[in-house]
């Protein structure tokens, strides 16, 4: 993924690829489960992606709170500010 993409663009692009959708159809207000159809395997892949790409661990308790695309973006941005 291009390093000049914003965090939001990187996350949306990854979700689009994983869910086999056009990135323009992935919006911040979308629910990961209801709107995008993320199942438990997809959720695990998303956690691995976040941990690898942004170089921090995502505790299970934190991930359970992430229900929308925006939640994921805000979480990553916040974690990167504190590291």
C-alpha atoms as a PDB file:
ATOM      1  CA  UNK A   1       0.000   0.000   0.000  1.00  0.00           C
ATOM      2  CA  UNK A   2       1.308   3.454  -0.859  1.00  0.00           C
ATOM      3  CA  UNK A   3       2.906   5.152   2.131  1.00  0.00           C
ATOM      4  CA  UNK A   4       1.400   8.534   1.230  1.00  0.00           C
ATOM      5  CA  UNK A   5      -2.149   7.336   1.901  1.00  0.00           C
ATOM      6  CA  UNK A   6      -3.806   8.627   5.049  1.00  0.00           C
ATOM      7  CA  UNK A   7      -4.684   6.204   7.820  1.00  0.00           C
ATOM      8  CA  UNK A   8      -8.339   6.421   6.827  1.00  0.00           C
ATOM      9  CA  UNK A   9      -7.514   5.661   3.188  1.00  0.00           C
ATOM     10  CA  UNK A  10      -5.326   2.704   4.165  1.00  0.00           C
ATOM     11  CA  UNK A  11      -8.025   1.211   6.388  1.00  0.00           C
ATOM     12  CA  UNK A  12     -10.799   1.756   3.835  1.00  0.00           C
ATOM     13  CA  UNK A  13      -8.657   0.244   1.059  1.00  0.00           C
ATOM     14  CA  UNK A  14      -7.857  -2.801   3.182  1.00  0.00           C
ATOM     15  CA  UNK A  15     -11.504  -3.335   4.072  1.00  0.00           C
ATOM     16  CA  UNK A  16     -12.501  -2.937   0.424  1.00  0.00           C
ATOM     17  CA  UNK A  17      -9.929  -5.518  -0.667  1.00  0.00           C
ATOM     18  CA  UNK A  18     -10.897  -7.947   2.090  1.00  0.00           C
ATOM     19  CA  UNK A  19     -14.619  -7.599   1.414  1.00  0.00           C
ATOM     20  CA  UNK A  20     -14.152  -7.537  -2.389  1.00  0.00           C
ATOM     21  CA  UNK A  21     -15.824  -4.137  -2.710  1.00  0.00           C
ATOM     22  CA  UNK A  22     -14.932  -0.874  -4.367  1.00  0.00           C
ATOM     23  CA  UNK A  23     -13.205   1.431  -1.885  1.00  0.00           C
ATOM     24  CA  UNK A  24     -15.741   4.182  -2.650  1.00  0.00           C
ATOM     25  CA  UNK A  25     -18.438   1.967  -1.114  1.00  0.00           C
ATOM     26  CA  UNK A  26     -16.639   1.827   2.252  1.00  0.00           C
ATOM     27  CA  UNK A  27     -17.743   4.829   4.276  1.00  0.00           C
ATOM     28  CA  UNK A  28     -16.704   5.863   7.809  1.00  0.00           C
ATOM     29  CA  UNK A  29     -20.239   5.470   9.201  1.00  0.00           C
ATOM     30  CA  UNK A  30     -20.540   1.867   8.015  1.00  0.00           C
ATOM     31  CA  UNK A  31     -20.884  -0.869  10.588  1.00  0.00           C
ATOM     32  CA  UNK A  32     -18.140  -3.457  10.225  1.00  0.00           C
ATOM     33  CA  UNK A  33     -20.597  -6.291  10.762  1.00  0.00           C
ATOM     34  CA  UNK A  34     -23.976  -5.076   9.530  1.00  0.00           C
ATOM     35  CA  UNK A  35     -22.967  -2.931   6.553  1.00  0.00           C
ATOM     36  CA  UNK A  36     -19.725  -4.588   5.471  1.00  0.00           C
ATOM     37  CA  UNK A  37     -20.485  -8.141   6.558  1.00  0.00           C
ATOM     38  CA  UNK A  38     -17.276  -8.726   8.529  1.00  0.00           C
ATOM     39  CA  UNK A  39     -17.372 -12.144  10.155  1.00  0.00           C
ATOM     40  CA  UNK A  40     -15.059 -13.404  12.879  1.00  0.00           C
ATOM     41  CA  UNK A  41     -12.379 -14.527  10.403  1.00  0.00           C
ATOM     42  CA  UNK A  42     -12.460 -11.118   8.705  1.00  0.00           C
ATOM     43  CA  UNK A  43     -12.198  -9.418  12.098  1.00  0.00           C
ATOM     44  CA  UNK A  44      -9.095 -11.448  12.960  1.00  0.00           C
ATOM     45  CA  UNK A  45      -7.534 -10.536   9.619  1.00  0.00           C
ATOM     46  CA  UNK A  46      -8.299  -6.873  10.285  1.00  0.00           C
ATOM     47  CA  UNK A  47      -6.581  -7.059  13.678  1.00  0.00           C
ATOM     48  CA  UNK A  48      -3.522  -8.692  12.104  1.00  0.00           C
ATOM     49  CA  UNK A  49      -3.457  -5.990   9.430  1.00  0.00           C
ATOM     50  CA  UNK A  50      -3.672  -3.184  12.009  1.00  0.00           C
ATOM     51  CA  UNK A  51      -0.962  -4.726  14.186  1.00  0.00           C
ATOM     52  CA  UNK A  52       1.410  -5.345  11.271  1.00  0.00           C
ATOM     53  CA  UNK A  53       0.835  -2.095   9.436  1.00  0.00           C
ATOM     54  CA  UNK A  54       0.821   0.279  12.376  1.00  0.00           C
ATOM     55  CA  UNK A  55       3.177  -1.668  14.664  1.00  0.00           C
ATOM     56  CA  UNK A  56       1.124  -1.942  17.845  1.00  0.00           C
ATOM     57  CA  UNK A  57      -0.920  -4.621  19.568  1.00  0.00           C
ATOM     58  CA  UNK A  58      -4.715  -4.429  19.543  1.00  0.00           C
ATOM     59  CA  UNK A  59      -6.083  -5.922  22.776  1.00  0.00           C
ATOM     60  CA  UNK A  60      -9.286  -7.962  22.411  1.00  0.00           C
ATOM     61  CA  UNK A  61     -11.153  -5.588  24.713  1.00  0.00           C
ATOM     62  CA  UNK A  62     -10.241  -2.648  22.474  1.00  0.00           C
ATOM     63  CA  UNK A  63     -11.210  -4.421  19.274  1.00  0.00           C
ATOM     64  CA  UNK A  64     -14.633  -5.364  20.621  1.00  0.00           C
ATOM     65  CA  UNK A  65     -15.405  -1.641  20.944  1.00  0.00           C
ATOM     66  CA  UNK A  66     -14.675  -0.984  17.273  1.00  0.00           C
ATOM     67  CA  UNK A  67     -18.009  -1.317  15.509  1.00  0.00           C
ATOM     68  CA  UNK A  68     -17.714   1.136  12.614  1.00  0.00           C
ATOM     69  CA  UNK A  69     -15.070   2.026  10.052  1.00  0.00           C
ATOM     70  CA  UNK A  70     -14.745   5.390  11.780  1.00  0.00           C
ATOM     71  CA  UNK A  71     -14.147   3.691  15.143  1.00  0.00           C
ATOM     72  CA  UNK A  72     -11.204   1.810  13.618  1.00  0.00           C
ATOM     73  CA  UNK A  73      -9.757   4.970  12.054  1.00  0.00           C
ATOM     74  CA  UNK A  74     -10.068   7.008  15.258  1.00  0.00           C
ATOM     75  CA  UNK A  75      -8.598   4.143  17.305  1.00  0.00           C
ATOM     76  CA  UNK A  76      -5.541   3.800  15.061  1.00  0.00           C
ATOM     77  CA  UNK A  77      -4.968   7.546  14.905  1.00  0.00           C
ATOM     78  CA  UNK A  78      -5.201   7.751  18.700  1.00  0.00           C
ATOM     79  CA  UNK A  79      -2.822   4.847  19.229  1.00  0.00           C
ATOM     80  CA  UNK A  80      -0.278   6.348  16.854  1.00  0.00           C
ATOM     81  CA  UNK A  81      -0.403   9.682  18.695  1.00  0.00           C
ATOM     82  CA  UNK A  82       0.414   8.004  22.004  1.00  0.00           C
ATOM     83  CA  UNK A  83       3.277   5.843  20.765  1.00  0.00           C
END
